[in-house]
Each structure stands twice: as structure tokens, then as C-alpha cells.
């Protein structure tokens, strides 16, 4: 019969390996969550209003109607 060799030399080493596994797993979850939040989280704007309609209104107020159509076209292209 063959003898099995434990992966860790002692119980303390095994506990250290388990702790390291938990730490690596927790850090992985934090990183993946941060990336997901950066990708899918709220983007842009400030307290005054970050919606596209509010932005369109601010552009119209600043530039008049001449640039609003170009701005809306750019936004529709970005949304695709």
C-alpha cells in the first residue's frame, strides 16, 4: 500500500494555506466587483442632472439649436 503525503507539512501550514486561499478569493471578488461597478455603474453628470435630457438641455442653452442636432446625433451613435 502506498503512503499519502500531505500537501502541508503541519497543521499550522495547512491553516496558513487555507487563510491564503480565503484572502486571494476575497481580493478576487473585490477586484471583479470593482471592475463591474466601473463598467456598469452610474456614469457622468453631477447633482444638477446627469440624464441625457438634462445634458441636451444644457447644450441647447449654451449653443442654441444649431448644435443640438449634432449633439443628439453623436449621443445616438455612442448609444449603439
Protein backbone atom coordinates (compact mmCIF):
# COMPACT_ATOMS: atom_id res chain seq x y z
CA UNK A 1 0.00 0.00 0.00
CA UNK A 2 1.29 3.47 -0.83
CA UNK A 3 1.63 6.14 1.75
CA UNK A 4 -0.01 9.52 1.11
CA UNK A 5 1.97 12.66 1.66
CA UNK A 6 0.02 15.66 2.96
CA UNK A 7 0.35 18.89 0.99
CA UNK A 8 1.21 20.92 4.07
CA UNK A 9 3.97 19.83 6.40
CA UNK A 10 1.97 20.61 9.56
CA UNK A 11 -1.43 21.68 10.78
CA UNK A 12 -0.18 25.27 11.09
CA UNK A 13 0.98 25.23 7.47
CA UNK A 14 -2.38 23.87 6.36
CA UNK A 15 -4.17 26.66 8.24
CA UNK A 16 -1.90 29.23 6.62
CA UNK A 17 -2.66 27.81 3.17
CA UNK A 18 -6.41 27.93 3.87
CA UNK A 19 -6.14 31.53 5.07
CA UNK A 20 -4.14 32.47 1.97
CA UNK A 21 -6.83 30.86 -0.19
CA UNK A 22 -9.55 32.89 1.54
CA UNK A 23 -7.57 36.11 1.17
CA UNK A 24 -6.92 35.51 -2.53
CA UNK A 25 -10.60 34.67 -3.06
CA UNK A 26 -11.76 37.80 -1.22
CA UNK A 27 -9.39 40.02 -3.18
CA UNK A 28 -10.56 38.45 -6.42
CA UNK A 29 -14.19 39.21 -5.55
CA UNK A 30 -13.30 42.81 -4.67
CA UNK A 31 -11.43 43.33 -7.94
CA UNK A 32 -14.18 41.76 -10.07
CA UNK A 33 -16.82 43.80 -8.23
CA UNK A 34 -14.84 46.99 -8.76
CA UNK A 35 -14.46 46.31 -12.46
CA UNK A 36 -18.18 45.53 -12.78
CA UNK A 37 -19.05 48.73 -10.93
CA UNK A 38 -16.76 50.76 -13.17
CA UNK A 39 -18.32 49.26 -16.30
CA UNK A 40 -21.98 49.13 -15.31
CA UNK A 41 -22.16 51.77 -12.59
CA UNK A 42 -23.51 55.30 -12.98
CA UNK A 43 -21.53 57.43 -15.40
CA UNK A 44 -21.22 61.14 -15.82
CA UNK A 45 -23.05 64.11 -14.62
CA UNK A 46 -23.27 65.89 -11.35
CA UNK A 47 -26.01 66.79 -8.91
CA UNK A 48 -27.61 69.26 -11.32
CA UNK A 49 -28.71 66.42 -13.57
CA UNK A 50 -26.82 63.71 -15.35
CA UNK A 51 -29.53 62.41 -17.65
CA UNK A 52 -29.19 62.73 -21.40
CA UNK A 53 -32.23 65.00 -21.50
CA UNK A 54 -30.67 67.37 -18.96
CA UNK A 55 -27.40 67.34 -20.90
CA UNK A 56 -29.24 68.05 -24.15
CA UNK A 57 -30.99 70.96 -22.45
CA UNK A 58 -27.68 72.41 -21.23
CA UNK A 59 -26.14 72.07 -24.70
CA UNK A 60 -29.16 73.78 -26.25
CA UNK A 61 -28.90 76.63 -23.75
CA UNK A 62 -25.18 77.09 -24.41
CA UNK A 63 -25.06 76.72 -28.16
CA UNK A 64 -28.56 77.28 -29.37
CA UNK A 65 -30.46 74.86 -31.58
CA UNK A 66 -27.76 74.71 -34.26
CA UNK A 67 -25.53 72.34 -32.23
CA UNK A 68 -28.29 70.39 -30.54
CA UNK A 69 -28.97 68.20 -33.57
CA UNK A 70 -25.27 67.37 -33.94
CA UNK A 71 -25.07 66.63 -30.22
CA UNK A 72 -28.09 64.32 -30.36
CA UNK A 73 -26.60 62.54 -33.37
CA UNK A 74 -23.34 62.00 -31.50
CA UNK A 75 -25.22 60.65 -28.47
CA UNK A 76 -27.27 58.27 -30.60
CA UNK A 77 -24.09 56.96 -32.23
CA UNK A 78 -22.48 56.43 -28.82
CA UNK A 79 -25.54 54.55 -27.59
CA UNK A 80 -25.22 51.94 -30.32
